[in-house]
Protein backbone atom coordinates (compact mmCIF):
# COMPACT_ATOMS: atom_id res chain seq x y z
CA MET A 1 30.83 1.83 21.45
CA ARG A 2 27.45 -0.23 22.57
CA SER A 3 25.73 2.51 22.10
CA VAL A 4 27.42 3.54 18.66
CA PHE A 5 26.23 -0.10 17.18
CA VAL A 6 22.38 0.27 18.70
CA VAL A 7 21.82 3.20 17.08
CA MET A 8 23.27 1.92 13.86
CA ARG A 9 21.47 -1.33 14.00
CA THR A 10 18.29 1.15 14.70
CA LEU A 11 18.58 2.90 11.77
CA ILE A 12 19.83 0.22 9.56
CA TYR A 13 16.35 -1.78 10.69
CA THR A 14 13.98 1.81 9.97
CA ALA A 15 15.26 1.94 6.56
CA ALA A 16 14.63 -1.81 5.66
CA PHE A 17 11.36 -1.82 7.37
CA LEU A 18 10.46 1.39 5.31
CA PHE A 19 11.48 -0.13 2.03
CA ILE A 20 9.43 -3.20 3.09
CA CYS A 21 6.40 -1.34 3.90
CA GLY A 22 6.40 1.86 1.86
CA ALA A 23 4.19 0.64 -0.26
CA VAL A 24 1.25 0.28 2.28
CA ALA A 25 2.24 3.64 3.72
CA VAL A 26 1.87 5.56 0.37
CA PRO A 27 -1.37 7.62 0.89
CA GLN A 28 -3.98 7.56 -1.96
CA GLY A 29 -5.06 10.85 -3.93
CA GLY A 30 -6.68 13.34 -1.83
CA GLU A 31 -5.24 12.23 1.41
CA PRO A 32 -3.97 15.58 3.79
CA GLU A 33 -0.33 15.97 3.27
CA GLU A 34 0.23 14.84 7.09
CA CYS A 35 -0.82 11.67 5.93
CA ARG A 36 2.42 11.24 3.78
CA PRO A 37 5.37 8.59 5.40
CA ARG A 38 7.76 10.82 7.01
CA ARG A 39 11.59 11.41 6.20
CA PRO A 40 13.37 9.36 9.44
CA ASP A 41 15.61 11.08 11.01
CA MET A 42 18.76 9.65 10.53
CA ASN A 43 20.18 10.96 13.56
CA SER A 44 18.43 9.89 16.67
CA VAL A 45 17.48 6.69 18.07
CA ARG A 46 13.51 6.63 17.75
CA GLU A 47 11.47 6.46 20.86
CA GLU A 48 9.63 2.36 21.65
CA CYS A 49 5.90 4.21 21.95
CA CYS A 50 4.44 0.38 22.37
CA LYS A 51 6.73 -2.63 23.64
CA LEU A 52 5.08 -5.09 21.23
CA PRO A 53 6.22 -8.69 21.63
CA GLU A 54 8.41 -10.80 20.10
CA PRO A 55 7.93 -13.05 16.59
CA SER A 56 8.68 -16.54 17.12
CA GLN A 57 11.78 -17.79 15.78
CA THR A 58 9.48 -19.63 12.93
CA ARG A 59 8.05 -16.64 11.79
CA LYS A 60 11.37 -14.28 11.71
CA GLU A 61 13.23 -17.30 9.49
CA ALA A 62 10.32 -17.41 7.23
CA PHE A 63 11.15 -13.69 6.94
CA LYS A 64 14.41 -13.83 6.05
CA SER A 65 13.65 -16.62 3.96
CA CYS A 66 11.43 -15.19 1.58
CA ARG A 67 13.32 -11.69 1.71
CA GLU A 68 15.73 -13.66 -0.23
CA LYS A 69 13.08 -15.37 -2.02
CA LEU A 70 12.15 -11.59 -3.10
CA GLY A 71 15.53 -10.21 -3.76
CA ILE A 72 14.43 -7.49 -0.96
CA HIS A 73 17.62 -7.07 1.43
CA HIS A 74 18.78 -4.69 3.66
CA PRO A 75 20.61 -2.09 3.24
CA HIS A 76 24.27 -2.21 4.74
CA GLY A 77 23.77 1.46 6.43
CA PRO A 78 21.73 4.61 6.43
CA PRO A 79 22.00 6.23 3.25
CA PRO A 80 24.80 8.72 2.57
CA ASP A 81 22.28 11.93 2.16
CA GLY A 82 20.23 10.95 5.07
CA ASN A 83 17.27 10.25 2.65
CA PRO A 84 14.96 7.07 2.49
CA PRO A 85 16.13 4.63 0.19
CA PRO A 86 14.19 5.05 -2.83
CA ARG A 87 10.91 2.54 -3.19
CA PRO A 88 11.52 -0.14 -5.54
CA THR A 89 10.05 -1.05 -9.35
CA GLY A 90 7.68 -3.77 -9.54
CA PRO A 91 4.77 -5.29 -7.53
CA PRO A 92 4.75 -3.46 -3.89
CA PRO A 93 7.07 -6.09 -1.81
CA HIS A 94 5.74 -5.89 1.23
CA GLU A 95 2.21 -7.41 -0.45
CA CYS A 96 4.16 -10.23 -1.52
CA LEU A 97 6.54 -10.80 1.10
CA GLU A 98 3.71 -11.33 3.91
CA GLU A 99 1.67 -13.69 1.25
CA CYS A 100 5.42 -15.71 1.01
CA VAL A 101 5.49 -15.72 4.63
CA PHE A 102 1.95 -16.67 5.26
CA THR A 103 2.50 -18.97 2.65
CA GLU A 104 5.45 -20.71 4.16
CA LEU A 105 3.93 -20.96 7.54
CA GLY A 106 1.08 -22.19 6.51
CA ALA A 107 -1.68 -19.50 7.17
CA LEU A 108 -3.04 -19.81 3.68
CA THR A 109 -5.61 -22.28 2.23
CA ALA A 110 -4.44 -24.17 -0.88
CA ASP A 111 -6.40 -21.45 -2.79
CA LEU A 112 -4.13 -18.72 -1.02
CA GLN A 113 -7.19 -17.40 0.70
CA LEU A 114 -6.64 -16.48 4.46
CA ASN A 115 -6.79 -19.58 6.46
CA LYS A 116 -8.69 -18.82 9.87
CA ASP A 117 -7.76 -21.43 11.83
CA THR A 118 -4.08 -21.16 11.08
CA ILE A 119 -3.31 -17.92 11.59
CA PRO A 120 -3.90 -17.56 15.81
CA THR A 121 -1.62 -20.23 15.75
CA LYS A 122 1.24 -19.16 12.80
CA ILE A 123 1.21 -15.39 12.67
CA VAL A 124 -0.28 -13.75 16.01
CA GLU A 125 0.63 -16.49 18.83
CA HIS A 126 2.85 -14.04 20.37
CA PHE A 127 -0.09 -12.00 21.06
CA LEU A 128 -2.08 -14.71 22.14
CA GLU A 129 0.30 -16.19 23.94
CA SER A 130 0.58 -12.61 26.47
CA PRO A 131 -2.13 -12.00 29.53
CA GLU A 132 -1.56 -8.45 28.63
CA TRP A 133 -1.90 -8.65 24.49
CA ASN A 134 -4.75 -11.37 24.16
CA PRO A 135 -7.94 -9.80 24.79
CA ILE A 136 -6.47 -7.09 22.36
CA ALA A 137 -5.63 -9.77 19.97
CA GLN A 138 -8.54 -11.82 20.17
CA GLU A 139 -10.48 -8.48 18.79
CA ALA A 140 -7.97 -7.77 16.52
CA LEU A 141 -8.17 -11.47 14.50
CA ARG A 142 -11.77 -10.57 14.28
CA THR A 143 -12.23 -7.65 12.80
CA CYS A 144 -8.97 -8.11 10.49
CA LEU A 145 -9.93 -11.85 9.04
CA ASP A 146 -13.33 -10.40 7.78
CA ALA A 147 -11.88 -7.36 6.48
CA SER A 148 -9.13 -7.85 5.40
CA PRO A 149 -10.44 -9.85 2.03
CA GLY A 150 -12.41 -6.36 0.97
CA GLU A 151 -9.29 -4.61 1.00
CA ILE A 152 -7.15 -5.96 -2.23
CA GLY A 153 -6.94 -3.50 -4.71
CA PRO A 154 -7.45 -4.20 -8.50
CA ASP A 155 -4.02 -3.92 -9.45
CA SER A 156 -2.73 -6.11 -6.47
CA THR A 157 -0.03 -8.52 -7.57
CA CYS A 158 -0.22 -10.84 -4.64
CA ARG A 159 -4.02 -11.25 -4.06
CA SER A 160 -4.30 -13.50 -0.79
CA GLY A 161 -4.92 -10.80 1.13
CA ALA A 162 -1.47 -11.57 3.95
CA SER A 163 -0.05 -7.99 3.80
CA ASN A 164 -3.99 -6.33 4.30
CA PHE A 165 -4.09 -8.78 7.14
CA HIS A 166 -0.97 -7.62 8.50
CA ARG A 167 -1.47 -3.71 8.34
CA CYS A 168 -4.77 -4.25 9.74
CA PHE A 169 -3.88 -6.43 12.80
CA MET A 170 -0.50 -4.27 13.54
CA ARG A 171 -2.73 -0.72 13.55
CA ALA A 172 -5.59 -2.21 15.53
CA VAL A 173 -3.01 -3.85 18.23
CA TYR A 174 -0.43 -1.00 18.45
CA LEU A 175 -3.16 1.64 18.84
CA SER A 176 -4.52 -0.52 21.71
CA CYS A 177 -1.16 -0.32 23.31
CA PRO A 178 -1.96 -1.68 26.82
CA GLY A 179 -0.82 1.34 29.30
CA SER A 180 1.41 -0.63 30.66
CA LEU A 181 3.59 -1.27 27.89
CA LYS A 182 2.73 2.74 26.09
CA SER A 183 4.76 5.61 26.49
CA GLU A 184 2.51 8.51 27.17
CA SER A 185 5.41 11.17 25.86
CA ASP A 186 4.13 13.73 22.98
CA SER A 187 5.87 12.33 20.25
CA CYS A 188 4.03 9.14 20.77
CA LYS A 189 0.82 10.58 21.41
CA GLU A 190 1.58 12.49 17.84
CA GLU A 191 2.20 9.12 16.20
CA ARG A 192 -0.90 8.10 17.32
CA GLU A 193 -3.32 10.49 15.79
CA ARG A 194 -1.44 10.33 12.87
CA LEU A 195 -2.38 6.48 12.65
CA GLU A 196 -6.47 7.21 13.57
CA LYS A 197 -6.31 10.00 10.80
CA CYS A 198 -4.15 8.03 8.24
CA PRO A 199 -5.78 4.21 7.73
CA ASN A 200 -3.41 3.67 4.71
CA LEU A 201 0.18 4.46 7.58
CA MET A 202 1.83 1.32 9.39
CA PRO A 203 3.11 2.17 13.14
CA LYS A 204 7.04 2.71 13.19
CA PRO A 205 8.83 -0.54 13.13
CA PRO A 206 9.18 -2.49 16.35
CA LYS A 207 12.97 -1.34 18.00
CA PRO A 208 15.14 -4.32 17.86
CA ARG A 209 15.97 -5.92 21.15
CA ASN A 210 19.46 -7.40 22.80
């Protein structure tokens, strides 16, 4: 029974992640077919290719609060036909979700710019507090804080750059996963190769912890 619960929770978590981050992963025109998001396998438990640190409870609560504010809800179970949930209409949910989270945690300035002083302690502190992740996270911070504002699209609704920073940072740390925390399975190697080729794709969501 416990194994069934874990499988169901993983499927629900993955479906919700795809709903929230789907717009990030949508490839731009001209990108190869391999860079298009793949349909999740609803009949298998996803492998954990990199053991990422657990976010703080404060960040989890801000994430939950912002989902509710923006009307982004976890599905109650996997779609009956096994297909990913449809993409929502209107502004990309990931874009404004991250901006909301950053705002609630004090990681944006009064004029909605990335706050370089508080992001290390409010957004990515769980990486910086880990001896294994700290040097990797420091390098990702330097790169992504400088690059994210320039990646805001002209049609973006929420223009702080919070979602761009989140995507940049998570890709950077994931692709630099320490050897002791990284799986070298064929499927995980394939995923990392796809991420390196496809700059619009996000890593698979973290595996739910017990």
